[in-house]
Amino acid sequence: MAKSRILGICPWRREIVQGMLGSTILGFHTRFHCKNFIETVDRYLEARIEHEHSTICFQEQDTLVRKLPDFD
């Protein structure tokens, strides 16, 4: 089951995701988790997502989603 669906049982899912998008950059420890977060935003919020650059624009604020530290 996709992680975005697991978050679906949380009654505050939108508020949690919106709060995270208050940051200008979000770092996750794997590319999989970056992709999962972007899919979660796509599922629960109306936001502009640029998959090529891993950016999300929500309420006129851009958030970069990156794997950090960004070295493999």
PDB file of N, CA and C in Angstrom:
ATOM      1  N   MET A   1       0.845  -1.174   0.000  1.00  0.00           N
ATOM      2  CA  MET A   1       0.000   0.000   0.000  1.00  0.00           C
ATOM      3  C   MET A   1       0.894   1.242   0.000  1.00  0.00           C
ATOM      4  N   ALA A   2       0.553   2.202  -0.820  1.00  0.00           N
ATOM      5  CA  ALA A   2       1.332   3.429  -0.910  1.00  0.00           C
ATOM      6  C   ALA A   2       1.259   4.198   0.406  1.00  0.00           C
ATOM      7  N   LYS A   3       2.359   4.844   0.752  1.00  0.00           N
ATOM      8  CA  LYS A   3       2.405   5.610   2.000  1.00  0.00           C
ATOM      9  C   LYS A   3       1.368   6.729   2.015  1.00  0.00           C
ATOM     10  N   SER A   4       1.086   7.316   0.848  1.00  0.00           N
ATOM     11  CA  SER A   4       0.090   8.391   0.828  1.00  0.00           C
ATOM     12  C   SER A   4      -1.281   7.866   1.251  1.00  0.00           C
ATOM     13  N   ARG A   5      -1.568   6.631   0.957  1.00  0.00           N
ATOM     14  CA  ARG A   5      -2.841   6.043   1.386  1.00  0.00           C
ATOM     15  C   ARG A   5      -2.839   5.751   2.876  1.00  0.00           C
ATOM     16  N   ILE A   6      -1.693   5.385   3.423  1.00  0.00           N
ATOM     17  CA  ILE A   6      -1.596   5.142   4.860  1.00  0.00           C
ATOM     18  C   ILE A   6      -1.878   6.443   5.611  1.00  0.00           C
ATOM     19  N   LEU A   7      -1.355   7.554   5.113  1.00  0.00           N
ATOM     20  CA  LEU A   7      -1.628   8.844   5.729  1.00  0.00           C
ATOM     21  C   LEU A   7      -3.117   9.158   5.682  1.00  0.00           C
ATOM     22  N   GLY A   8      -3.831   8.547   4.768  1.00  0.00           N
ATOM     23  CA  GLY A   8      -5.254   8.786   4.601  1.00  0.00           C
ATOM     24  C   GLY A   8      -6.089   8.509   5.835  1.00  0.00           C
ATOM     25  N   ILE A   9      -5.602   7.693   6.761  1.00  0.00           N
ATOM     26  CA  ILE A   9      -6.371   7.416   7.985  1.00  0.00           C
ATOM     27  C   ILE A   9      -6.206   8.511   9.035  1.00  0.00           C
ATOM     28  N   CYS A  10      -5.250   9.403   8.824  1.00  0.00           N
ATOM     29  CA  CYS A  10      -4.999  10.478   9.783  1.00  0.00           C
ATOM     30  C   CYS A  10      -5.981  11.625   9.537  1.00  0.00           C
ATOM     31  N   PRO A  11      -6.749  12.015  10.544  1.00  0.00           N
ATOM     32  CA  PRO A  11      -7.731  13.088  10.333  1.00  0.00           C
ATOM     33  C   PRO A  11      -7.091  14.458  10.082  1.00  0.00           C
ATOM     34  N   TRP A  12      -5.816  14.629  10.394  1.00  0.00           N
ATOM     35  CA  TRP A  12      -5.127  15.908  10.211  1.00  0.00           C
ATOM     36  C   TRP A  12      -4.154  15.869   9.037  1.00  0.00           C
ATOM     37  N   ARG A  13      -4.359  14.941   8.111  1.00  0.00           N
ATOM     38  CA  ARG A  13      -3.399  14.752   7.017  1.00  0.00           C
ATOM     39  C   ARG A  13      -3.152  16.030   6.227  1.00  0.00           C
ATOM     40  N   ARG A  14      -4.202  16.752   5.876  1.00  0.00           N
ATOM     41  CA  ARG A  14      -4.021  17.990   5.095  1.00  0.00           C
ATOM     42  C   ARG A  14      -3.212  19.015   5.883  1.00  0.00           C
ATOM     43  N   GLU A  15      -3.535  19.186   7.145  1.00  0.00           N
ATOM     44  CA  GLU A  15      -2.828  20.160   7.970  1.00  0.00           C
ATOM     45  C   GLU A  15      -1.355  19.797   8.122  1.00  0.00           C
ATOM     46  N   ILE A  16      -1.060  18.516   8.270  1.00  0.00           N
ATOM     47  CA  ILE A  16       0.333  18.069   8.403  1.00  0.00           C
ATOM     48  C   ILE A  16       1.101  18.373   7.124  1.00  0.00           C
ATOM     49  N   VAL A  17       0.540  17.996   5.988  1.00  0.00           N
ATOM     50  CA  VAL A  17       1.218  18.211   4.702  1.00  0.00           C
ATOM     51  C   VAL A  17       1.345  19.707   4.418  1.00  0.00           C
ATOM     52  N   GLN A  18       0.306  20.476   4.692  1.00  0.00           N
ATOM     53  CA  GLN A  18       0.381  21.928   4.495  1.00  0.00           C
ATOM     54  C   GLN A  18       1.476  22.539   5.371  1.00  0.00           C
ATOM     55  N   GLY A  19       1.580  22.085   6.592  1.00  0.00           N
ATOM     56  CA  GLY A  19       2.621  22.581   7.491  1.00  0.00           C
ATOM     57  C   GLY A  19       4.012  22.288   6.966  1.00  0.00           C
ATOM     58  N   MET A  20       4.190  21.107   6.430  1.00  0.00           N
ATOM     59  CA  MET A  20       5.495  20.752   5.863  1.00  0.00           C
ATOM     60  C   MET A  20       5.823  21.642   4.672  1.00  0.00           C
ATOM     61  N   LEU A  21       4.815  22.011   3.904  1.00  0.00           N
ATOM     62  CA  LEU A  21       5.037  22.867   2.736  1.00  0.00           C
ATOM     63  C   LEU A  21       5.300  24.321   3.126  1.00  0.00           C
ATOM     64  N   GLY A  22       5.281  24.638   4.398  1.00  0.00           N
ATOM     65  CA  GLY A  22       5.686  25.961   4.860  1.00  0.00           C
ATOM     66  C   GLY A  22       7.182  26.164   4.781  1.00  0.00           C
ATOM     67  N   SER A  23       7.918  25.087   4.563  1.00  0.00           N
ATOM     68  CA  SER A  23       9.374  25.155   4.426  1.00  0.00           C
ATOM     69  C   SER A  23       9.755  25.431   2.973  1.00  0.00           C
ATOM     70  N   THR A  24      10.887  26.056   2.781  1.00  0.00           N
ATOM     71  CA  THR A  24      11.359  26.296   1.415  1.00  0.00           C
ATOM     72  C   THR A  24      12.078  25.085   0.848  1.00  0.00           C
ATOM     73  N   ILE A  25      12.562  24.208   1.735  1.00  0.00           N
ATOM     74  CA  ILE A  25      13.193  22.961   1.284  1.00  0.00           C
ATOM     75  C   ILE A  25      12.856  21.857   2.274  1.00  0.00           C
ATOM     76  N   LEU A  26      12.514  20.704   1.736  1.00  0.00           N
ATOM     77  CA  LEU A  26      12.264  19.518   2.548  1.00  0.00           C
ATOM     78  C   LEU A  26      13.270  18.459   2.142  1.00  0.00           C
ATOM     79  N   GLY A  27      13.940  17.887   3.105  1.00  0.00           N
ATOM     80  CA  GLY A  27      14.914  16.847   2.825  1.00  0.00           C
ATOM     81  C   GLY A  27      14.462  15.508   3.370  1.00  0.00           C
ATOM     82  N   PHE A  28      14.608  14.485   2.547  1.00  0.00           N
ATOM     83  CA  PHE A  28      14.307  13.107   2.937  1.00  0.00           C
ATOM     84  C   PHE A  28      15.556  12.270   2.708  1.00  0.00           C
ATOM     85  N   HIS A  29      15.645  11.127   3.355  1.00  0.00           N
ATOM     86  CA  HIS A  29      16.874  10.352   3.278  1.00  0.00           C
ATOM     87  C   HIS A  29      16.960   9.438   2.057  1.00  0.00           C
ATOM     88  N   THR A  30      15.876   9.264   1.304  1.00  0.00           N
ATOM     89  CA  THR A  30      15.934   8.482   0.065  1.00  0.00           C
ATOM     90  C   THR A  30      15.107   9.179  -1.017  1.00  0.00           C
ATOM     91  N   ARG A  31      15.434   8.895  -2.251  1.00  0.00           N
ATOM     92  CA  ARG A  31      14.658   9.434  -3.375  1.00  0.00           C
ATOM     93  C   ARG A  31      13.229   8.867  -3.352  1.00  0.00           C
ATOM     94  N   PHE A  32      13.089   7.626  -2.893  1.00  0.00           N
ATOM     95  CA  PHE A  32      11.773   7.011  -2.773  1.00  0.00           C
ATOM     96  C   PHE A  32      10.870   7.846  -1.857  1.00  0.00           C
ATOM     97  N   HIS A  33      11.403   8.287  -0.729  1.00  0.00           N
ATOM     98  CA  HIS A  33      10.608   9.081   0.202  1.00  0.00           C
ATOM     99  C   HIS A  33      10.285  10.463  -0.371  1.00  0.00           C
ATOM    100  N   CYS A  34      11.199  11.024  -1.163  1.00  0.00           N
ATOM    101  CA  CYS A  34      10.906  12.292  -1.849  1.00  0.00           C
ATOM    102  C   CYS A  34       9.718  12.108  -2.786  1.00  0.00           C
ATOM    103  N   LYS A  35       9.788  11.058  -3.593  1.00  0.00           N
ATOM    104  CA  LYS A  35       8.719  10.776  -4.544  1.00  0.00           C
ATOM    105  C   LYS A  35       7.401  10.515  -3.811  1.00  0.00           C
ATOM    106  N   ASN A  36       7.474   9.798  -2.722  1.00  0.00           N
ATOM    107  CA  ASN A  36       6.279   9.487  -1.945  1.00  0.00           C
ATOM    108  C   ASN A  36       5.638  10.756  -1.388  1.00  0.00           C
ATOM    109  N   PHE A  37       6.449  11.685  -0.907  1.00  0.00           N
ATOM    110  CA  PHE A  37       5.891  12.932  -0.383  1.00  0.00           C
ATOM    111  C   PHE A  37       5.207  13.721  -1.493  1.00  0.00           C
ATOM    112  N   ILE A  38       5.842  13.800  -2.646  1.00  0.00           N
ATOM    113  CA  ILE A  38       5.250  14.519  -3.779  1.00  0.00           C
ATOM    114  C   ILE A  38       3.919  13.876  -4.173  1.00  0.00           C
ATOM    115  N   GLU A  39       3.862  12.550  -4.194  1.00  0.00           N
ATOM    116  CA  GLU A  39       2.611  11.854  -4.511  1.00  0.00           C
ATOM    117  C   GLU A  39       1.543  12.123  -3.444  1.00  0.00           C
ATOM    118  N   THR A  40       1.965  12.238  -2.198  1.00  0.00           N
ATOM    119  CA  THR A  40       1.033  12.544  -1.113  1.00  0.00           C
ATOM    120  C   THR A  40       0.426  13.928  -1.304  1.00  0.00           C
ATOM    121  N   VAL A  41       1.275  14.899  -1.637  1.00  0.00           N
ATOM    122  CA  VAL A  41       0.775  16.256  -1.898  1.00  0.00           C
ATOM    123  C   VAL A  41      -0.216  16.222  -3.058  1.00  0.00           C
ATOM    124  N   ASP A  42       0.146  15.503  -4.100  1.00  0.00           N
ATOM    125  CA  ASP A  42      -0.722  15.409  -5.277  1.00  0.00           C
ATOM    126  C   ASP A  42      -2.079  14.808  -4.918  1.00  0.00           C
ATOM    127  N   ARG A  43      -2.090  13.864  -4.006  1.00  0.00           N
ATOM    128  CA  ARG A  43      -3.326  13.186  -3.608  1.00  0.00           C
ATOM    129  C   ARG A  43      -4.218  14.061  -2.729  1.00  0.00           C
ATOM    130  N   TYR A  44      -3.637  14.824  -1.806  1.00  0.00           N
ATOM    131  CA  TYR A  44      -4.435  15.492  -0.781  1.00  0.00           C
ATOM    132  C   TYR A  44      -4.576  17.008  -0.918  1.00  0.00           C
ATOM    133  N   LEU A  45      -3.745  17.651  -1.741  1.00  0.00           N
ATOM    134  CA  LEU A  45      -3.804  19.107  -1.862  1.00  0.00           C
ATOM    135  C   LEU A  45      -3.873  19.526  -3.325  1.00  0.00           C
ATOM    136  N   GLU A  46      -4.371  20.717  -3.536  1.00  0.00           N
ATOM    137  CA  GLU A  46      -4.314  21.298  -4.872  1.00  0.00           C
ATOM    138  C   GLU A  46      -3.065  22.158  -4.922  1.00  0.00           C
ATOM    139  N   ALA A  47      -2.049  21.644  -5.566  1.00  0.00           N
ATOM    140  CA  ALA A  47      -0.765  22.324  -5.662  1.00  0.00           C
ATOM    141  C   ALA A  47      -0.192  22.080  -7.048  1.00  0.00           C
ATOM    142  N   ARG A  48       0.665  22.985  -7.477  1.00  0.00           N
ATOM    143  CA  ARG A  48       1.365  22.792  -8.752  1.00  0.00           C
ATOM    144  C   ARG A  48       2.653  22.033  -8.461  1.00  0.00           C
ATOM    145  N   ILE A  49       2.800  20.901  -9.102  1.00  0.00           N
ATOM    146  CA  ILE A  49       3.962  20.046  -8.880  1.00  0.00           C
ATOM    147  C   ILE A  49       4.778  19.981 -10.158  1.00  0.00           C
ATOM    148  N   GLU A  50       6.057  20.265 -10.037  1.00  0.00           N
ATOM    149  CA  GLU A  50       6.980  20.117 -11.157  1.00  0.00           C
ATOM    150  C   GLU A  50       7.882  18.929 -10.847  1.00  0.00           C
ATOM    151  N   HIS A  51       7.525  17.789 -11.413  1.00  0.00           N
ATOM    152  CA  HIS A  51       8.248  16.548 -11.112  1.00  0.00           C
ATOM    153  C   HIS A  51       9.700  16.605 -11.566  1.00  0.00           C
ATOM    154  N   GLU A  52       9.946  17.248 -12.688  1.00  0.00           N
ATOM    155  CA  GLU A  52      11.308  17.307 -13.233  1.00  0.00           C
ATOM    156  C   GLU A  52      12.274  17.982 -12.258  1.00  0.00           C
ATOM    157  N   HIS A  53      11.801  19.011 -11.554  1.00  0.00           N
ATOM    158  CA  HIS A  53      12.654  19.749 -10.624  1.00  0.00           C
ATOM    159  C   HIS A  53      12.363  19.430  -9.161  1.00  0.00           C
ATOM    160  N   SER A  54      11.415  18.541  -8.929  1.00  0.00           N
ATOM    161  CA  SER A  54      10.996  18.169  -7.567  1.00  0.00           C
ATOM    162  C   SER A  54      10.633  19.406  -6.757  1.00  0.00           C
ATOM    163  N   THR A  55       9.764  20.235  -7.341  1.00  0.00           N
ATOM    164  CA  THR A  55       9.284  21.413  -6.627  1.00  0.00           C
ATOM    165  C   THR A  55       7.764  21.374  -6.536  1.00  0.00           C
ATOM    166  N   ILE A  56       7.281  21.953  -5.466  1.00  0.00           N
ATOM    167  CA  ILE A  56       5.840  22.043  -5.228  1.00  0.00           C
ATOM    168  C   ILE A  56       5.519  23.501  -4.964  1.00  0.00           C
ATOM    169  N   CYS A  57       4.547  24.023  -5.659  1.00  0.00           N
ATOM    170  CA  CYS A  57       4.067  25.387  -5.403  1.00  0.00           C
ATOM    171  C   CYS A  57       2.690  25.264  -4.761  1.00  0.00           C
ATOM    172  N   PHE A  58       2.605  25.717  -3.517  1.00  0.00           N
ATOM    173  CA  PHE A  58       1.347  25.659  -2.772  1.00  0.00           C
ATOM    174  C   PHE A  58       1.116  27.020  -2.141  1.00  0.00           C
ATOM    175  N   GLN A  59      -0.034  27.598  -2.409  1.00  0.00           N
ATOM    176  CA  GLN A  59      -0.396  28.921  -1.899  1.00  0.00           C
ATOM    177  C   GLN A  59       0.705  29.942  -2.188  1.00  0.00           C
ATOM    178  N   GLU A  60       1.161  29.924  -3.438  1.00  0.00           N
ATOM    179  CA  GLU A  60       2.160  30.864  -3.955  1.00  0.00           C
ATOM    180  C   GLU A  60       3.522  30.764  -3.280  1.00  0.00           C
ATOM    181  N   GLN A  61       3.825  29.643  -2.640  1.00  0.00           N
ATOM    182  CA  GLN A  61       5.141  29.421  -2.052  1.00  0.00           C
ATOM    183  C   GLN A  61       5.732  28.154  -2.635  1.00  0.00           C
ATOM    184  N   ASP A  62       6.995  28.227  -3.040  1.00  0.00           N
ATOM    185  CA  ASP A  62       7.684  27.067  -3.598  1.00  0.00           C
ATOM    186  C   ASP A  62       8.428  26.301  -2.518  1.00  0.00           C
ATOM    187  N   THR A  63       8.358  24.993  -2.627  1.00  0.00           N
ATOM    188  CA  THR A  63       9.097  24.102  -1.743  1.00  0.00           C
ATOM    189  C   THR A  63       9.889  23.137  -2.602  1.00  0.00           C
ATOM    190  N   LEU A  64      11.195  23.053  -2.357  1.00  0.00           N
ATOM    191  CA  LEU A  64      12.048  22.080  -3.037  1.00  0.00           C
ATOM    192  C   LEU A  64      12.027  20.797  -2.223  1.00  0.00           C
ATOM    193  N   VAL A  65      11.915  19.675  -2.889  1.00  0.00           N
ATOM    194  CA  VAL A  65      11.947  18.373  -2.220  1.00  0.00           C
ATOM    195  C   VAL A  65      13.207  17.668  -2.688  1.00  0.00           C
ATOM    196  N   ARG A  66      14.110  17.397  -1.760  1.00  0.00           N
ATOM    197  CA  ARG A  66      15.417  16.845  -2.103  1.00  0.00           C
ATOM    198  C   ARG A  66      15.799  15.691  -1.193  1.00  0.00           C
ATOM    199  N   LYS A  67      16.654  14.832  -1.744  1.00  0.00           N
ATOM    200  CA  LYS A  67      17.301  13.796  -0.941  1.00  0.00           C
ATOM    201  C   LYS A  67      18.509  14.468  -0.286  1.00  0.00           C
ATOM    202  N   LEU A  68      18.562  14.441   1.022  1.00  0.00           N
ATOM    203  CA  LEU A  68      19.675  15.082   1.735  1.00  0.00           C
ATOM    204  C   LEU A  68      20.302  14.114   2.721  1.00  0.00           C
ATOM    205  N   PRO A  69      21.583  14.049   2.839  1.00  0.00           N
ATOM    206  CA  PRO A  69      22.538  14.747   1.978  1.00  0.00           C
ATOM    207  C   PRO A  69      22.460  14.203   0.562  1.00  0.00           C
ATOM    208  N   ASP A  70      22.716  15.056  -0.395  1.00  0.00           N
ATOM    209  CA  ASP A  70      22.522  14.700  -1.796  1.00  0.00           C
ATOM    210  C   ASP A  70      23.802  14.145  -2.431  1.00  0.00           C
ATOM    211  N   PHE A  71      24.286  13.066  -1.881  1.00  0.00           N
ATOM    212  CA  PHE A  71      25.390  12.348  -2.516  1.00  0.00           C
ATOM    213  C   PHE A  71      25.138  10.859  -2.394  1.00  0.00           C
ATOM    214  N   ASP A  72      25.503  10.140  -3.435  1.00  0.00           N
ATOM    215  CA  ASP A  72      25.318   8.679  -3.459  1.00  0.00           C
ATOM    216  C   ASP A  72      26.636   7.996  -3.702  1.00  0.00           C
TER     217      ASP A  72
END
